[in-house]
């Protein structure tokens, strides 16, 4: 998973497994890895796991990419692998994952709507105290940047940035808003 920027990661939480004969087996063996610029580094290496919900802390690593490398699943799951959710954490605060991220004490963005987006425009509501000169970037699920703009008083209307639906294809996107001083805030967007 391309995080789009560098973050300090120090824990993972994953929800895995598939209902098989009334059970919900997890991945029995896997590695969680961070990208070191030229190669992958194992930060969690698990064998013998039987839990569908798994959480583990580790020494924080600064990285721009993470991956979950599954090497074995519980016997009762057969060849079925299902990852419901993966959260990558820094301390106790999620920095990315299916539920998005808030890396600020005071959020840069208060609302992104409508979500899911089907027609019209996407609106990003900025906080009044942080709304000038914010970098807004939108990435598709592969990490490819599909849109970028500088949110400033020139293109905001009452701290709201408006983006036309035509920018997006159908799918899941990550909207990152940053002020250049921190890693920023990332939210998930679904486009229908």
Foldseek 3Di string as FASTA:
>chain_A
DFQLAKDWFWKKKWAWADQFPNDGFAQQWKFKWFDPPPDTDTFDTHHRDGDRIDMDTGHIDIGRDMDIGGDGTDPRRPPDIGTPWMFTHDPPFTPDIQAWGAPDPDAQWDDWDDFAAEAFKIKTAGDPVNQAQKWKWKAAPVRHTQDIDTGHPVQDDNRIHIGHLVSDDFHKMWIFIGNVPDRGTIGIGGYD
